[in-house]
């Protein structure tokens, strides 16, 4: 029981920063971070072994497939910046359709 309490506490407060080490693995780094946040013991190295990433990187379909394989729920949505408050955080953004990043929080600027 003690182990479960630690996971729940950790899950509710910490989003690990997992940085990509190769140019084409931003999507994997994001998935590792989100997976860890949700209590899965996943690191970038194990994801590299499980999913072979092409030199050109991953696309949104690849990320959806990897998420499904990791038993993560996912959905792709297209939002205007003014609709960002509709997202459940943390989440993965496909930034300008060429880079994946994790959105942890946001703040409106007045």
C-alpha atoms as a PDB file:
ATOM      1  CA  UNK A   1       0.000   0.000   0.000  1.00  0.00           C
ATOM      2  CA  UNK A   2       2.849   2.389   0.757  1.00  0.00           C
ATOM      3  CA  UNK A   3       4.148   2.077  -2.795  1.00  0.00           C
ATOM      4  CA  UNK A   4       0.785   3.053  -4.278  1.00  0.00           C
ATOM      5  CA  UNK A   5       0.571   6.153  -2.092  1.00  0.00           C
ATOM      6  CA  UNK A   6       3.991   7.263  -3.303  1.00  0.00           C
ATOM      7  CA  UNK A   7       2.984   6.827  -6.928  1.00  0.00           C
ATOM      8  CA  UNK A   8      -0.218   8.791  -6.457  1.00  0.00           C
ATOM      9  CA  UNK A   9       1.610  11.620  -4.693  1.00  0.00           C
ATOM     10  CA  UNK A  10       4.325  11.652  -7.319  1.00  0.00           C
ATOM     11  CA  UNK A  11       1.785  11.541 -10.132  1.00  0.00           C
ATOM     12  CA  UNK A  12      -0.158  14.481  -8.863  1.00  0.00           C
ATOM     13  CA  UNK A  13       2.743  16.881  -8.439  1.00  0.00           C
ATOM     14  CA  UNK A  14       5.711  16.092 -10.664  1.00  0.00           C
ATOM     15  CA  UNK A  15       6.265  16.252 -14.359  1.00  0.00           C
ATOM     16  CA  UNK A  16       9.790  15.075 -15.090  1.00  0.00           C
ATOM     17  CA  UNK A  17      11.866  16.980 -17.609  1.00  0.00           C
ATOM     18  CA  UNK A  18      13.137  14.446 -20.106  1.00  0.00           C
ATOM     19  CA  UNK A  19      15.281  16.096 -22.733  1.00  0.00           C
ATOM     20  CA  UNK A  20      15.881  14.690 -26.172  1.00  0.00           C
ATOM     21  CA  UNK A  21      19.471  13.814 -26.967  1.00  0.00           C
ATOM     22  CA  UNK A  22      18.964  13.257 -30.687  1.00  0.00           C
ATOM     23  CA  UNK A  23      17.401  15.715 -33.103  1.00  0.00           C
ATOM     24  CA  UNK A  24      14.600  13.349 -34.160  1.00  0.00           C
ATOM     25  CA  UNK A  25      13.412  12.140 -30.745  1.00  0.00           C
ATOM     26  CA  UNK A  26      11.396  15.066 -29.385  1.00  0.00           C
ATOM     27  CA  UNK A  27       8.202  13.005 -29.614  1.00  0.00           C
ATOM     28  CA  UNK A  28       9.718  10.118 -27.658  1.00  0.00           C
ATOM     29  CA  UNK A  29      11.035  12.477 -24.988  1.00  0.00           C
ATOM     30  CA  UNK A  30       7.547  13.957 -24.611  1.00  0.00           C
ATOM     31  CA  UNK A  31       5.985  10.502 -24.331  1.00  0.00           C
ATOM     32  CA  UNK A  32       8.553   9.468 -21.722  1.00  0.00           C
ATOM     33  CA  UNK A  33       7.766  12.559 -19.675  1.00  0.00           C
ATOM     34  CA  UNK A  34       3.977  12.140 -19.896  1.00  0.00           C
ATOM     35  CA  UNK A  35       4.218   8.394 -19.188  1.00  0.00           C
ATOM     36  CA  UNK A  36       6.338   9.032 -16.112  1.00  0.00           C
ATOM     37  CA  UNK A  37       3.891  11.667 -14.918  1.00  0.00           C
ATOM     38  CA  UNK A  38       1.122   9.078 -15.061  1.00  0.00           C
ATOM     39  CA  UNK A  39       3.104   6.605 -12.972  1.00  0.00           C
ATOM     40  CA  UNK A  40       4.686   4.430 -15.643  1.00  0.00           C
ATOM     41  CA  UNK A  41       8.348   3.603 -15.182  1.00  0.00           C
ATOM     42  CA  UNK A  42       9.483   4.589 -18.668  1.00  0.00           C
ATOM     43  CA  UNK A  43      12.663   6.281 -19.764  1.00  0.00           C
ATOM     44  CA  UNK A  44      13.880   7.584 -23.081  1.00  0.00           C
ATOM     45  CA  UNK A  45      16.365   4.759 -23.538  1.00  0.00           C
ATOM     46  CA  UNK A  46      13.693   2.057 -23.232  1.00  0.00           C
ATOM     47  CA  UNK A  47      11.424   3.914 -25.656  1.00  0.00           C
ATOM     48  CA  UNK A  48      14.283   4.159 -28.168  1.00  0.00           C
ATOM     49  CA  UNK A  49      14.629   0.371 -28.038  1.00  0.00           C
ATOM     50  CA  UNK A  50      10.878  -0.248 -28.303  1.00  0.00           C
ATOM     51  CA  UNK A  51      10.186   2.220 -31.125  1.00  0.00           C
ATOM     52  CA  UNK A  52      12.669   2.735 -33.937  1.00  0.00           C
ATOM     53  CA  UNK A  53      12.579   6.396 -34.899  1.00  0.00           C
ATOM     54  CA  UNK A  54      13.476   7.358 -38.473  1.00  0.00           C
ATOM     55  CA  UNK A  55      16.099  10.043 -38.997  1.00  0.00           C
ATOM     56  CA  UNK A  56      13.335  12.350 -40.174  1.00  0.00           C
ATOM     57  CA  UNK A  57      11.628  12.094 -36.776  1.00  0.00           C
ATOM     58  CA  UNK A  58       8.082  11.228 -35.817  1.00  0.00           C
ATOM     59  CA  UNK A  59       4.752  12.561 -36.947  1.00  0.00           C
ATOM     60  CA  UNK A  60       1.406  12.832 -35.194  1.00  0.00           C
ATOM     61  CA  UNK A  61       0.322   9.365 -36.367  1.00  0.00           C
ATOM     62  CA  UNK A  62       3.520   7.877 -34.918  1.00  0.00           C
ATOM     63  CA  UNK A  63       2.922   9.577 -31.563  1.00  0.00           C
ATOM     64  CA  UNK A  64      -0.659   8.253 -31.502  1.00  0.00           C
ATOM     65  CA  UNK A  65       0.585   4.724 -32.243  1.00  0.00           C
ATOM     66  CA  UNK A  66       3.299   4.909 -29.566  1.00  0.00           C
ATOM     67  CA  UNK A  67       0.811   6.256 -27.013  1.00  0.00           C
ATOM     68  CA  UNK A  68      -1.562   3.390 -27.789  1.00  0.00           C
ATOM     69  CA  UNK A  69       1.267   0.866 -27.395  1.00  0.00           C
ATOM     70  CA  UNK A  70       2.104   2.433 -24.014  1.00  0.00           C
ATOM     71  CA  UNK A  71      -1.568   2.166 -22.952  1.00  0.00           C
ATOM     72  CA  UNK A  72      -1.953   5.949 -22.796  1.00  0.00           C
ATOM     73  CA  UNK A  73      -5.173   7.574 -23.876  1.00  0.00           C
ATOM     74  CA  UNK A  74      -4.758  10.179 -26.561  1.00  0.00           C
ATOM     75  CA  UNK A  75      -6.658  12.411 -28.920  1.00  0.00           C
ATOM     76  CA  UNK A  76      -5.522  14.894 -31.499  1.00  0.00           C
ATOM     77  CA  UNK A  77      -7.177  18.291 -31.498  1.00  0.00           C
ATOM     78  CA  UNK A  78      -6.560  21.481 -33.403  1.00  0.00           C
ATOM     79  CA  UNK A  79      -6.912  24.584 -31.260  1.00  0.00           C
ATOM     80  CA  UNK A  80      -6.477  28.289 -31.541  1.00  0.00           C
ATOM     81  CA  UNK A  81      -4.195  29.742 -28.864  1.00  0.00           C
ATOM     82  CA  UNK A  82      -7.275  31.296 -27.218  1.00  0.00           C
ATOM     83  CA  UNK A  83      -8.686  27.793 -26.665  1.00  0.00           C
ATOM     84  CA  UNK A  84      -5.676  26.445 -24.803  1.00  0.00           C
ATOM     85  CA  UNK A  85      -7.617  26.469 -21.526  1.00  0.00           C
ATOM     86  CA  UNK A  86      -9.624  23.521 -22.888  1.00  0.00           C
ATOM     87  CA  UNK A  87      -6.608  21.201 -22.704  1.00  0.00           C
ATOM     88  CA  UNK A  88      -6.046  18.797 -19.842  1.00  0.00           C
ATOM     89  CA  UNK A  89      -2.478  19.371 -18.657  1.00  0.00           C
ATOM     90  CA  UNK A  90       0.177  18.184 -19.000  1.00  0.00           C
ATOM     91  CA  UNK A  91      -0.189  17.373 -22.667  1.00  0.00           C
ATOM     92  CA  UNK A  92       1.904  17.074 -25.797  1.00  0.00           C
ATOM     93  CA  UNK A  93       1.722  19.849 -28.379  1.00  0.00           C
ATOM     94  CA  UNK A  94       2.784  19.502 -31.994  1.00  0.00           C
ATOM     95  CA  UNK A  95       4.406  22.915 -32.175  1.00  0.00           C
ATOM     96  CA  UNK A  96       4.140  24.474 -35.637  1.00  0.00           C
ATOM     97  CA  UNK A  97       3.723  20.909 -36.937  1.00  0.00           C
ATOM     98  CA  UNK A  98       7.468  20.229 -36.757  1.00  0.00           C
ATOM     99  CA  UNK A  99       8.349  19.780 -33.076  1.00  0.00           C
ATOM    100  CA  UNK A 100       6.745  18.040 -30.098  1.00  0.00           C
ATOM    101  CA  UNK A 101       6.780  19.727 -26.686  1.00  0.00           C
ATOM    102  CA  UNK A 102       5.074  19.096 -23.357  1.00  0.00           C
ATOM    103  CA  UNK A 103       2.776  21.829 -22.102  1.00  0.00           C
ATOM    104  CA  UNK A 104       2.857  21.855 -18.318  1.00  0.00           C
ATOM    105  CA  UNK A 105       1.032  25.123 -17.631  1.00  0.00           C
ATOM    106  CA  UNK A 106       0.184  28.400 -19.258  1.00  0.00           C
ATOM    107  CA  UNK A 107      -0.509  31.927 -18.133  1.00  0.00           C
ATOM    108  CA  UNK A 108      -2.514  34.596 -19.878  1.00  0.00           C
ATOM    109  CA  UNK A 109      -0.629  37.837 -20.413  1.00  0.00           C
ATOM    110  CA  UNK A 110      -2.666  40.999 -20.052  1.00  0.00           C
END
